C-alpha atoms as a PDB file:
ATOM      1  CA  MET A   1      -8.673  10.782 -21.771  1.00  0.00           C
ATOM      2  CA  VAL A   2      -7.408   7.585 -20.119  1.00  0.00           C
ATOM      3  CA  ARG A   3      -4.991   9.611 -17.988  1.00  0.00           C
ATOM      4  CA  LEU A   4      -7.943  11.529 -16.564  1.00  0.00           C
ATOM      5  CA  SER A   5      -9.824   8.298 -15.853  1.00  0.00           C
ATOM      6  CA  VAL A   6      -6.849   6.908 -13.941  1.00  0.00           C
ATOM      7  CA  GLN A   7      -6.620  10.124 -11.914  1.00  0.00           C
ATOM      8  CA  PHE A   8     -10.368  10.038 -11.266  1.00  0.00           C
ATOM      9  CA  TYR A   9     -10.284   6.523  -9.801  1.00  0.00           C
ATOM     10  CA  ARG A  10      -7.046   7.249  -7.963  1.00  0.00           C
ATOM     11  CA  LYS A  11      -8.751  10.180  -6.260  1.00  0.00           C
ATOM     12  CA  PHE A  12     -11.185   7.723  -4.652  1.00  0.00           C
ATOM     13  CA  SER A  13      -8.599   5.070  -3.822  1.00  0.00           C
ATOM     14  CA  PHE A  14      -6.070   7.458  -2.251  1.00  0.00           C
ATOM     15  CA  PRO A  15      -7.900   8.023   1.096  1.00  0.00           C
ATOM     16  CA  LEU A  16      -7.854   4.264   1.699  1.00  0.00           C
ATOM     17  CA  ILE A  17      -4.075   4.487   2.168  1.00  0.00           C
ATOM     18  CA  ALA A  18      -4.540   5.483   5.816  1.00  0.00           C
ATOM     19  CA  PHE A  19      -6.493   2.293   6.543  1.00  0.00           C
ATOM     20  CA  VAL A  20      -4.035   0.119   4.613  1.00  0.00           C
ATOM     21  CA  VAL A  21      -1.012   1.587   6.395  1.00  0.00           C
ATOM     22  CA  THR A  22      -2.734   1.040   9.735  1.00  0.00           C
ATOM     23  CA  LEU A  23      -3.482  -2.542   8.758  1.00  0.00           C
ATOM     24  CA  ILE A  24       0.190  -3.067   7.940  1.00  0.00           C
ATOM     25  CA  GLY A  25       1.449  -1.245  11.043  1.00  0.00           C
ATOM     26  CA  ILE A  26      -0.613  -3.081  13.677  1.00  0.00           C
ATOM     27  CA  PRO A  27       1.307  -6.381  13.397  1.00  0.00           C
ATOM     28  CA  PHE A  28       4.629  -4.566  13.772  1.00  0.00           C
ATOM     29  CA  ALA A  29       3.325  -2.703  16.811  1.00  0.00           C
ATOM     30  CA  LEU A  30       2.149  -5.921  18.474  1.00  0.00           C
ATOM     31  CA  THR A  31       5.367  -7.845  18.016  1.00  0.00           C
ATOM     32  CA  THR A  32       7.967  -7.535  20.698  1.00  0.00           C
ATOM     33  CA  GLY A  33      11.598  -8.113  20.025  1.00  0.00           C
ATOM     34  CA  GLY A  34      15.098  -6.831  20.443  1.00  0.00           C
ATOM     35  CA  ARG A  35      15.206  -5.009  17.139  1.00  0.00           C
ATOM     36  CA  GLY A  36      14.609  -1.588  18.644  1.00  0.00           C
ATOM     37  CA  ALA A  37      12.733   1.499  17.552  1.00  0.00           C
ATOM     38  CA  ILE A  38      15.150   2.527  14.808  1.00  0.00           C
ATOM     39  CA  SER A  39      14.605  -0.690  12.880  1.00  0.00           C
ATOM     40  CA  GLY A  40      10.831  -0.196  13.111  1.00  0.00           C
ATOM     41  CA  ILE A  41      11.141   3.333  11.772  1.00  0.00           C
ATOM     42  CA  ALA A  42      13.427   2.166   8.963  1.00  0.00           C
ATOM     43  CA  LEU A  43      11.005  -0.633   8.082  1.00  0.00           C
ATOM     44  CA  SER A  44       8.111   1.831   8.008  1.00  0.00           C
ATOM     45  CA  ILE A  45       9.989   4.181   5.695  1.00  0.00           C
ATOM     46  CA  GLY A  46      10.916   1.245   3.458  1.00  0.00           C
ATOM     47  CA  ILE A  47       7.306   0.057   3.241  1.00  0.00           C
ATOM     48  CA  GLY A  48       6.199   3.604   2.422  1.00  0.00           C
ATOM     49  CA  ILE A  49       8.762   3.886  -0.378  1.00  0.00           C
ATOM     50  CA  ILE A  50       7.708   0.521  -1.801  1.00  0.00           C
ATOM     51  CA  TYR A  51       4.028   1.560  -1.687  1.00  0.00           C
ATOM     52  CA  TRP A  52       4.773   4.870  -3.383  1.00  0.00           C
ATOM     53  CA  SER A  53       6.857   3.150  -6.093  1.00  0.00           C
ATOM     54  CA  LEU A  54       4.219   0.506  -6.762  1.00  0.00           C
ATOM     55  CA  SER A  55       1.487   3.128  -6.884  1.00  0.00           C
ATOM     56  CA  SER A  56       3.465   5.159  -9.420  1.00  0.00           C
ATOM     57  CA  LEU A  57       4.157   2.035 -11.472  1.00  0.00           C
ATOM     58  CA  PHE A  58       0.488   1.055 -11.636  1.00  0.00           C
ATOM     59  CA  GLU A  59      -0.506   4.637 -12.480  1.00  0.00           C
ATOM     60  CA  ALA A  60       2.006   4.730 -15.334  1.00  0.00           C
ATOM     61  CA  MET A  61       0.753   1.377 -16.612  1.00  0.00           C
ATOM     62  CA  GLY A  62      -2.803   2.710 -16.545  1.00  0.00           C
ATOM     63  CA  ASN A  63      -1.783   5.864 -18.391  1.00  0.00           C
ATOM     64  CA  LEU A  64      -0.152   3.745 -21.118  1.00  0.00           C
ATOM     65  CA  HIS A  65      -3.288   1.602 -21.639  1.00  0.00           C
ATOM     66  CA  GLN A  66      -1.614  -1.519 -20.216  1.00  0.00           C
ATOM     67  CA  LEU A  67      -4.137  -1.739 -17.375  1.00  0.00           C
ATOM     68  CA  PRO A  68      -7.738  -0.577 -17.089  1.00  0.00           C
ATOM     69  CA  PRO A  69      -8.003   2.681 -15.107  1.00  0.00           C
ATOM     70  CA  VAL A  70      -9.880   1.045 -12.204  1.00  0.00           C
ATOM     71  CA  VAL A  71      -7.268  -1.691 -11.838  1.00  0.00           C
ATOM     72  CA  ALA A  72      -4.410   0.802 -12.083  1.00  0.00           C
ATOM     73  CA  ALA A  73      -5.858   2.959  -9.316  1.00  0.00           C
ATOM     74  CA  TRP A  74      -6.970   0.278  -6.859  1.00  0.00           C
ATOM     75  CA  SER A  75      -4.234  -2.362  -7.231  1.00  0.00           C
ATOM     76  CA  PRO A  76      -1.700  -0.882  -4.755  1.00  0.00           C
ATOM     77  CA  ASP A  77      -4.388  -0.563  -2.071  1.00  0.00           C
ATOM     78  CA  LEU A  78      -5.589  -4.089  -2.721  1.00  0.00           C
ATOM     79  CA  LEU A  79      -2.115  -5.640  -2.720  1.00  0.00           C
ATOM     80  CA  PHE A  80      -0.940  -3.877   0.423  1.00  0.00           C
ATOM     81  CA  GLY A  81      -4.317  -4.427   2.121  1.00  0.00           C
ATOM     82  CA  LEU A  82      -4.072  -8.170   1.512  1.00  0.00           C
ATOM     83  CA  GLY A  83      -0.478  -8.126   2.746  1.00  0.00           C
ATOM     84  CA  GLY A  84      -1.529  -6.265   5.891  1.00  0.00           C
ATOM     85  CA  ALA A  85      -4.385  -8.682   6.519  1.00  0.00           C
ATOM     86  CA  TYR A  86      -1.989 -11.610   6.126  1.00  0.00           C
ATOM     87  CA  LEU A  87       0.463 -10.042   8.591  1.00  0.00           C
ATOM     88  CA  LEU A  88      -2.359  -9.322  11.024  1.00  0.00           C
ATOM     89  CA  LEU A  89      -3.548 -12.919  10.908  1.00  0.00           C
ATOM     90  CA  ARG A  90       0.001 -14.176  11.526  1.00  0.00           C
ATOM     91  CA  VAL A  91       0.460 -12.211  14.789  1.00  0.00           C
ATOM     92  CA  ARG A  92       0.946 -14.486  17.749  1.00  0.00           C
ATOM     93  CA  THR A  93      -1.480 -13.798  20.563  1.00  0.00           C
END
């Protein structure tokens, strides 16, 4: 039953990923540097893999009753959203 609760809350938190990824991507788009496009693409893929891994970890913890279902579903969005907001506030204008 808990597994279904985690999936239920995850269904509502999943669409927020687009906003969170945009929030993370804006600071990288606004910074100029000599790193090149390939490093930006590699960084984006790395961030995506980390998000996916963390999301799977929190889902597994929710399924095993180590976290409440709401916390398990919304934690990756919250953590990456706060990280994106921090990066956005640190952009030099």
